[in-house]
Amino acid sequence: MPRLELNPNFTDPDAFYAALTALHRERSETESERINARLILLLANHIGDQAVLEEAISHAVGDGDQ
């Protein structure tokens, strides 16, 4: 069964952070929340595996912290 990748796996983490912060710059809180929701759904669709998604949810709320 696939597992959630928790080790650093970015090809360019600084570029991703810059793109993400630029995406939210000068947007309202509501716009940013909508963008984040769409981004989460797009990435969840890319992952696709329910078990991996549930593991990610668990980690996001702190239940899966090691």
C-alpha atoms as a PDB file:
ATOM      1  CA  MET A   1       0.000   0.000   0.000  1.00  0.00           C
ATOM      2  CA  PRO A   2       1.376   3.465  -0.853  1.00  0.00           C
ATOM      3  CA  ARG A   3       2.347   5.639   2.084  1.00  0.00           C
ATOM      4  CA  LEU A   4       2.368   9.367   2.481  1.00  0.00           C
ATOM      5  CA  GLU A   5       5.796  10.783   1.595  1.00  0.00           C
ATOM      6  CA  LEU A   6       6.934  12.731   4.657  1.00  0.00           C
ATOM      7  CA  ASN A   7      10.564  13.269   3.684  1.00  0.00           C
ATOM      8  CA  PRO A   8      11.433  16.421   1.717  1.00  0.00           C
ATOM      9  CA  ASN A   9      10.476  15.723  -1.880  1.00  0.00           C
ATOM     10  CA  PHE A  10      10.410  19.168  -3.542  1.00  0.00           C
ATOM     11  CA  THR A  11      12.567  19.778  -6.587  1.00  0.00           C
ATOM     12  CA  ASP A  12      12.674  23.484  -5.636  1.00  0.00           C
ATOM     13  CA  PRO A  13      10.996  24.255  -2.306  1.00  0.00           C
ATOM     14  CA  ASP A  14      11.905  27.946  -2.423  1.00  0.00           C
ATOM     15  CA  ALA A  15      10.279  28.352  -5.835  1.00  0.00           C
ATOM     16  CA  PHE A  16       7.125  26.601  -4.628  1.00  0.00           C
ATOM     17  CA  TYR A  17       6.953  28.810  -1.533  1.00  0.00           C
ATOM     18  CA  ALA A  18       7.453  31.927  -3.659  1.00  0.00           C
ATOM     19  CA  ALA A  19       4.722  30.866  -6.091  1.00  0.00           C
ATOM     20  CA  LEU A  20       2.326  30.039  -3.258  1.00  0.00           C
ATOM     21  CA  THR A  21       2.878  33.330  -1.442  1.00  0.00           C
ATOM     22  CA  ALA A  22       2.602  35.294  -4.696  1.00  0.00           C
ATOM     23  CA  LEU A  23      -0.674  33.508  -5.421  1.00  0.00           C
ATOM     24  CA  HIS A  24      -2.164  34.850  -2.183  1.00  0.00           C
ATOM     25  CA  ARG A  25      -0.658  38.329  -2.282  1.00  0.00           C
ATOM     26  CA  GLU A  26      -3.288  41.070  -2.509  1.00  0.00           C
ATOM     27  CA  ARG A  27      -6.178  38.584  -2.358  1.00  0.00           C
ATOM     28  CA  SER A  28      -8.961  38.697   0.159  1.00  0.00           C
ATOM     29  CA  GLU A  29      -9.178  36.041   2.855  1.00  0.00           C
ATOM     30  CA  THR A  30     -12.200  34.547   1.058  1.00  0.00           C
ATOM     31  CA  GLU A  31     -10.350  34.398  -2.271  1.00  0.00           C
ATOM     32  CA  SER A  32      -7.336  32.766  -0.602  1.00  0.00           C
ATOM     33  CA  GLU A  33      -9.548  30.169   1.088  1.00  0.00           C
ATOM     34  CA  ARG A  34     -11.185  29.314  -2.257  1.00  0.00           C
ATOM     35  CA  ILE A  35      -7.804  29.011  -3.942  1.00  0.00           C
ATOM     36  CA  ASN A  36      -6.522  26.777  -1.145  1.00  0.00           C
ATOM     37  CA  ALA A  37      -9.608  24.566  -1.374  1.00  0.00           C
ATOM     38  CA  ARG A  38      -9.187  24.164  -5.137  1.00  0.00           C
ATOM     39  CA  LEU A  39      -5.468  23.475  -4.756  1.00  0.00           C
ATOM     40  CA  ILE A  40      -6.142  20.832  -2.094  1.00  0.00           C
ATOM     41  CA  LEU A  41      -8.704  19.108  -4.325  1.00  0.00           C
ATOM     42  CA  LEU A  42      -6.369  19.191  -7.341  1.00  0.00           C
ATOM     43  CA  LEU A  43      -3.496  17.692  -5.353  1.00  0.00           C
ATOM     44  CA  ALA A  44      -5.780  15.125  -3.695  1.00  0.00           C
ATOM     45  CA  ASN A  45      -6.986  14.084  -7.131  1.00  0.00           C
ATOM     46  CA  HIS A  46      -3.370  13.749  -8.259  1.00  0.00           C
ATOM     47  CA  ILE A  47      -2.588  11.510  -5.265  1.00  0.00           C
ATOM     48  CA  GLY A  48      -5.799   9.568  -5.740  1.00  0.00           C
ATOM     49  CA  ASP A  49      -5.170   6.869  -3.109  1.00  0.00           C
ATOM     50  CA  GLN A  50      -7.741   7.106  -0.302  1.00  0.00           C
ATOM     51  CA  ALA A  51      -5.428   5.583   2.310  1.00  0.00           C
ATOM     52  CA  VAL A  52      -2.697   8.113   1.522  1.00  0.00           C
ATOM     53  CA  LEU A  53      -5.195  10.970   1.651  1.00  0.00           C
ATOM     54  CA  GLU A  54      -6.500   9.795   5.024  1.00  0.00           C
ATOM     55  CA  GLU A  55      -2.933   9.551   6.319  1.00  0.00           C
ATOM     56  CA  ALA A  56      -2.326  13.132   5.138  1.00  0.00           C
ATOM     57  CA  ILE A  57      -5.483  14.297   6.922  1.00  0.00           C
ATOM     58  CA  SER A  58      -4.341  12.571  10.094  1.00  0.00           C
ATOM     59  CA  HIS A  59      -0.945  14.293   9.916  1.00  0.00           C
ATOM     60  CA  ALA A  60      -2.518  17.657   9.125  1.00  0.00           C
ATOM     61  CA  VAL A  61      -4.544  17.621  12.355  1.00  0.00           C
ATOM     62  CA  GLY A  62      -1.609  16.288  14.381  1.00  0.00           C
ATOM     63  CA  ASP A  63      -2.932  12.749  14.938  1.00  0.00           C
ATOM     64  CA  GLY A  64      -0.227  11.201  12.768  1.00  0.00           C
ATOM     65  CA  ASP A  65       2.762  13.005  14.241  1.00  0.00           C
ATOM     66  CA  GLN A  66       5.629  10.654  14.915  1.00  0.00           C
END
